[in-house]
Amino acid sequence: MRAGHSTIAFALLSLALAACSTQPVSQWEKSGQPTSQRDQDLAQCKYEAEKATASSGDGRLPKSTNEAVNKGVERGLEQADLIKSCMKARGYAPK
């Protein structure tokens, strides 16, 4: 296998493992809360998580595809954790 193919295979494996290790919450519930308010709160939490992770890193470009994928996976996991914390802080529970 050529070096490029092994890097891509490793990157795909990393993504697959990351997807298995964390399950983002797709539904949230809060007693007496209308769906429109939940959707607005979730959108705000997602925005805040993206903003909080936008400048993470040392500012340099990744040296390889593998490094770029790993950084992307780490950022996605961090965002998922921030969204969960934000929604829980607003009184929601995973469905």
N, C-alpha and C. Protein backbone atom coordinates (compact mmCIF):
# COMPACT_ATOMS: atom_id res chain seq x y z
N MET A 1 0.85 -1.18 0.00
CA MET A 1 0.00 0.00 0.00
C MET A 1 0.89 1.24 0.00
N ARG A 2 0.59 2.19 -0.85
CA ARG A 2 1.38 3.42 -0.92
C ARG A 2 1.14 4.26 0.33
N ALA A 3 2.09 5.17 0.60
CA ALA A 3 2.01 6.01 1.79
C ALA A 3 0.71 6.82 1.82
N GLY A 4 0.29 7.34 0.68
CA GLY A 4 -0.94 8.13 0.63
C GLY A 4 -2.16 7.32 0.98
N HIS A 5 -2.19 6.07 0.49
CA HIS A 5 -3.33 5.21 0.79
C HIS A 5 -3.38 4.83 2.26
N SER A 6 -2.22 4.58 2.86
CA SER A 6 -2.22 4.20 4.28
C SER A 6 -2.65 5.38 5.14
N THR A 7 -2.29 6.59 4.75
CA THR A 7 -2.71 7.78 5.50
C THR A 7 -4.22 7.94 5.43
N ILE A 8 -4.78 7.76 4.25
CA ILE A 8 -6.23 7.87 4.10
C ILE A 8 -6.94 6.77 4.87
N ALA A 9 -6.41 5.55 4.81
CA ALA A 9 -7.02 4.44 5.54
C ALA A 9 -6.98 4.71 7.04
N PHE A 10 -5.86 5.23 7.53
CA PHE A 10 -5.74 5.55 8.95
C PHE A 10 -6.72 6.65 9.34
N ALA A 11 -6.85 7.65 8.49
CA ALA A 11 -7.77 8.75 8.76
C ALA A 11 -9.21 8.25 8.84
N LEU A 12 -9.59 7.39 7.92
CA LEU A 12 -10.95 6.84 7.94
C LEU A 12 -11.18 5.98 9.17
N LEU A 13 -10.17 5.20 9.55
CA LEU A 13 -10.28 4.38 10.76
C LEU A 13 -10.42 5.27 11.98
N SER A 14 -9.67 6.36 12.04
CA SER A 14 -9.76 7.29 13.16
C SER A 14 -11.17 7.88 13.26
N LEU A 15 -11.73 8.26 12.12
CA LEU A 15 -13.09 8.81 12.13
C LEU A 15 -14.11 7.78 12.59
N ALA A 16 -13.96 6.56 12.13
CA ALA A 16 -14.89 5.50 12.51
C ALA A 16 -14.81 5.23 14.01
N LEU A 17 -13.61 5.18 14.55
CA LEU A 17 -13.46 4.95 15.99
C LEU A 17 -14.02 6.11 16.80
N ALA A 18 -13.80 7.32 16.33
CA ALA A 18 -14.34 8.49 17.04
C ALA A 18 -15.86 8.47 17.03
N ALA A 19 -16.44 8.08 15.92
CA ALA A 19 -17.90 8.01 15.83
C ALA A 19 -18.46 6.97 16.79
N CYS A 20 -17.74 5.91 16.98
CA CYS A 20 -18.20 4.86 17.89
C CYS A 20 -18.03 5.26 19.35
N SER A 21 -17.04 6.09 19.64
CA SER A 21 -16.74 6.40 21.03
C SER A 21 -17.66 7.47 21.61
N THR A 22 -18.29 8.25 20.78
CA THR A 22 -19.18 9.28 21.30
C THR A 22 -20.45 9.32 20.47
N GLN A 23 -21.54 9.46 21.15
CA GLN A 23 -22.82 9.57 20.47
C GLN A 23 -23.40 10.94 20.79
N PRO A 24 -23.46 11.84 19.84
CA PRO A 24 -24.07 13.12 20.13
C PRO A 24 -25.55 12.95 20.44
N VAL A 25 -26.02 13.76 21.33
CA VAL A 25 -27.43 13.70 21.69
C VAL A 25 -28.22 14.39 20.60
N SER A 26 -29.16 13.67 20.02
CA SER A 26 -29.94 14.26 18.93
C SER A 26 -31.26 14.84 19.42
N GLN A 27 -31.69 14.44 20.60
CA GLN A 27 -32.95 14.93 21.13
C GLN A 27 -32.76 15.35 22.58
N TRP A 28 -33.33 16.47 22.92
CA TRP A 28 -33.30 16.99 24.28
C TRP A 28 -34.73 17.24 24.72
N GLU A 29 -34.98 17.10 26.02
CA GLU A 29 -36.31 17.39 26.52
C GLU A 29 -36.23 18.16 27.83
N LYS A 30 -37.25 18.97 28.04
CA LYS A 30 -37.38 19.75 29.27
C LYS A 30 -38.88 19.90 29.51
N SER A 31 -39.31 19.52 30.65
CA SER A 31 -40.73 19.53 30.96
C SER A 31 -41.33 20.92 30.75
N GLY A 32 -42.41 20.94 29.98
CA GLY A 32 -43.13 22.18 29.74
C GLY A 32 -42.48 23.14 28.76
N GLN A 33 -41.41 22.73 28.15
CA GLN A 33 -40.69 23.61 27.23
C GLN A 33 -41.18 23.37 25.80
N PRO A 34 -41.60 24.42 25.10
CA PRO A 34 -42.03 24.24 23.71
C PRO A 34 -40.84 23.87 22.81
N THR A 35 -41.16 23.15 21.75
CA THR A 35 -40.14 22.71 20.80
C THR A 35 -39.37 23.89 20.23
N SER A 36 -40.05 24.98 19.96
CA SER A 36 -39.37 26.14 19.38
C SER A 36 -38.31 26.69 20.32
N GLN A 37 -38.57 26.69 21.62
CA GLN A 37 -37.58 27.17 22.58
C GLN A 37 -36.40 26.21 22.66
N ARG A 38 -36.69 24.90 22.64
CA ARG A 38 -35.62 23.90 22.66
C ARG A 38 -34.72 24.08 21.45
N ASP A 39 -35.32 24.26 20.29
CA ASP A 39 -34.53 24.43 19.06
C ASP A 39 -33.66 25.69 19.14
N GLN A 40 -34.22 26.75 19.70
CA GLN A 40 -33.46 28.00 19.84
C GLN A 40 -32.30 27.81 20.84
N ASP A 41 -32.55 27.14 21.95
CA ASP A 41 -31.50 26.89 22.93
C ASP A 41 -30.40 26.01 22.35
N LEU A 42 -30.79 24.98 21.60
CA LEU A 42 -29.80 24.10 20.98
C LEU A 42 -28.96 24.86 19.96
N ALA A 43 -29.60 25.69 19.16
CA ALA A 43 -28.85 26.49 18.18
C ALA A 43 -27.86 27.41 18.88
N GLN A 44 -28.27 28.01 19.99
CA GLN A 44 -27.38 28.90 20.74
C GLN A 44 -26.21 28.11 21.34
N CYS A 45 -26.48 26.92 21.87
CA CYS A 45 -25.41 26.10 22.42
C CYS A 45 -24.42 25.67 21.34
N LYS A 46 -24.93 25.31 20.16
CA LYS A 46 -24.06 24.93 19.05
C LYS A 46 -23.19 26.12 18.63
N TYR A 47 -23.78 27.29 18.55
CA TYR A 47 -23.04 28.50 18.18
C TYR A 47 -21.93 28.76 19.19
N GLU A 48 -22.25 28.69 20.47
CA GLU A 48 -21.26 28.93 21.51
C GLU A 48 -20.13 27.90 21.47
N ALA A 49 -20.48 26.64 21.19
CA ALA A 49 -19.46 25.59 21.11
C ALA A 49 -18.54 25.82 19.92
N GLU A 50 -19.11 26.21 18.79
CA GLU A 50 -18.29 26.50 17.60
C GLU A 50 -17.37 27.69 17.86
N LYS A 51 -17.92 28.71 18.50
CA LYS A 51 -17.13 29.91 18.81
C LYS A 51 -15.99 29.57 19.78
N ALA A 52 -16.27 28.74 20.76
CA ALA A 52 -15.27 28.37 21.76
C ALA A 52 -14.14 27.54 21.18
N THR A 53 -14.43 26.78 20.12
CA THR A 53 -13.40 25.90 19.54
C THR A 53 -12.81 26.46 18.24
N ALA A 54 -13.25 27.61 17.81
CA ALA A 54 -12.79 28.16 16.53
C ALA A 54 -11.31 28.48 16.53
N SER A 55 -10.79 28.93 17.63
CA SER A 55 -9.38 29.31 17.65
C SER A 55 -8.51 28.30 18.36
N SER A 56 -9.05 27.09 18.58
CA SER A 56 -8.23 26.08 19.25
C SER A 56 -7.12 25.63 18.31
N GLY A 57 -5.97 25.38 18.87
CA GLY A 57 -4.81 24.99 18.08
C GLY A 57 -3.73 26.03 18.16
N ASP A 58 -2.63 25.74 17.51
CA ASP A 58 -1.47 26.62 17.60
C ASP A 58 -1.36 27.56 16.40
N GLY A 59 -2.33 27.55 15.51
CA GLY A 59 -2.33 28.48 14.38
C GLY A 59 -1.57 28.01 13.16
N ARG A 60 -0.91 26.89 13.24
CA ARG A 60 -0.16 26.40 12.07
C ARG A 60 -1.01 25.41 11.28
N LEU A 61 -0.69 25.29 10.01
CA LEU A 61 -1.40 24.34 9.16
C LEU A 61 -0.95 22.92 9.49
N PRO A 62 -1.85 21.95 9.38
CA PRO A 62 -1.46 20.56 9.65
C PRO A 62 -0.42 20.09 8.63
N LYS A 63 0.48 19.23 9.09
CA LYS A 63 1.54 18.71 8.24
C LYS A 63 1.08 17.56 7.34
N SER A 64 -0.02 16.93 7.71
CA SER A 64 -0.48 15.77 6.94
C SER A 64 -2.00 15.69 7.01
N THR A 65 -2.53 14.85 6.15
CA THR A 65 -3.97 14.60 6.17
C THR A 65 -4.37 13.98 7.50
N ASN A 66 -3.55 13.08 7.99
CA ASN A 66 -3.84 12.42 9.26
C ASN A 66 -3.93 13.44 10.39
N GLU A 67 -3.00 14.37 10.44
CA GLU A 67 -3.01 15.40 11.48
C GLU A 67 -4.25 16.28 11.35
N ALA A 68 -4.62 16.61 10.13
CA ALA A 68 -5.82 17.44 9.91
C ALA A 68 -7.08 16.71 10.37
N VAL A 69 -7.17 15.45 10.03
CA VAL A 69 -8.34 14.65 10.43
C VAL A 69 -8.40 14.53 11.95
N ASN A 70 -7.26 14.26 12.57
CA ASN A 70 -7.23 14.13 14.03
C ASN A 70 -7.67 15.43 14.70
N LYS A 71 -7.19 16.56 14.19
CA LYS A 71 -7.59 17.85 14.76
C LYS A 71 -9.09 18.07 14.59
N GLY A 72 -9.61 17.69 13.43
CA GLY A 72 -11.03 17.84 13.18
C GLY A 72 -11.87 16.97 14.11
N VAL A 73 -11.42 15.75 14.33
CA VAL A 73 -12.13 14.83 15.23
C VAL A 73 -12.09 15.38 16.66
N GLU A 74 -10.92 15.83 17.10
CA GLU A 74 -10.79 16.40 18.44
C GLU A 74 -11.71 17.60 18.62
N ARG A 75 -11.75 18.45 17.61
CA ARG A 75 -12.61 19.64 17.68
C ARG A 75 -14.09 19.25 17.75
N GLY A 76 -14.47 18.26 16.94
CA GLY A 76 -15.86 17.79 16.96
C GLY A 76 -16.25 17.19 18.30
N LEU A 77 -15.36 16.41 18.91
CA LEU A 77 -15.63 15.83 20.21
C LEU A 77 -15.74 16.91 21.28
N GLU A 78 -14.86 17.90 21.20
CA GLU A 78 -14.91 19.01 22.16
C GLU A 78 -16.22 19.78 22.01
N GLN A 79 -16.63 20.02 20.78
CA GLN A 79 -17.90 20.72 20.55
C GLN A 79 -19.08 19.92 21.09
N ALA A 80 -19.09 18.62 20.88
CA ALA A 80 -20.18 17.78 21.38
C ALA A 80 -20.27 17.86 22.90
N ASP A 81 -19.12 17.83 23.57
CA ASP A 81 -19.10 17.94 25.03
C ASP A 81 -19.61 19.30 25.49
N LEU A 82 -19.21 20.36 24.79
CA LEU A 82 -19.66 21.70 25.15
C LEU A 82 -21.16 21.86 24.95
N ILE A 83 -21.69 21.30 23.87
CA ILE A 83 -23.12 21.37 23.61
C ILE A 83 -23.89 20.63 24.70
N LYS A 84 -23.43 19.43 25.06
CA LYS A 84 -24.09 18.67 26.12
C LYS A 84 -24.10 19.46 27.43
N SER A 85 -22.96 20.03 27.78
CA SER A 85 -22.87 20.80 29.03
C SER A 85 -23.80 22.01 28.99
N CYS A 86 -23.83 22.69 27.87
CA CYS A 86 -24.68 23.87 27.71
C CYS A 86 -26.15 23.51 27.85
N MET A 87 -26.57 22.46 27.18
CA MET A 87 -27.99 22.07 27.24
C MET A 87 -28.37 21.61 28.65
N LYS A 88 -27.49 20.87 29.29
CA LYS A 88 -27.76 20.43 30.66
C LYS A 88 -27.85 21.63 31.60
N ALA A 89 -26.97 22.62 31.39
CA ALA A 89 -27.00 23.83 32.21
C ALA A 89 -28.30 24.61 32.03
N ARG A 90 -28.91 24.47 30.87
CA ARG A 90 -30.20 25.13 30.60
C ARG A 90 -31.39 24.29 31.07
N GLY A 91 -31.09 23.16 31.71
CA GLY A 91 -32.16 22.35 32.29
C GLY A 91 -32.70 21.23 31.42
N TYR A 92 -32.04 20.95 30.31
CA TYR A 92 -32.50 19.88 29.41
C TYR A 92 -31.86 18.56 29.80
N ALA A 93 -32.54 17.48 29.45
CA ALA A 93 -32.02 16.14 29.65
C ALA A 93 -32.04 15.42 28.31
N PRO A 94 -31.04 14.55 28.07
CA PRO A 94 -31.06 13.78 26.82
C PRO A 94 -32.28 12.88 26.78
N LYS A 95 -32.86 12.75 25.63
CA LYS A 95 -34.06 11.93 25.43
C LYS A 95 -33.66 10.50 25.15
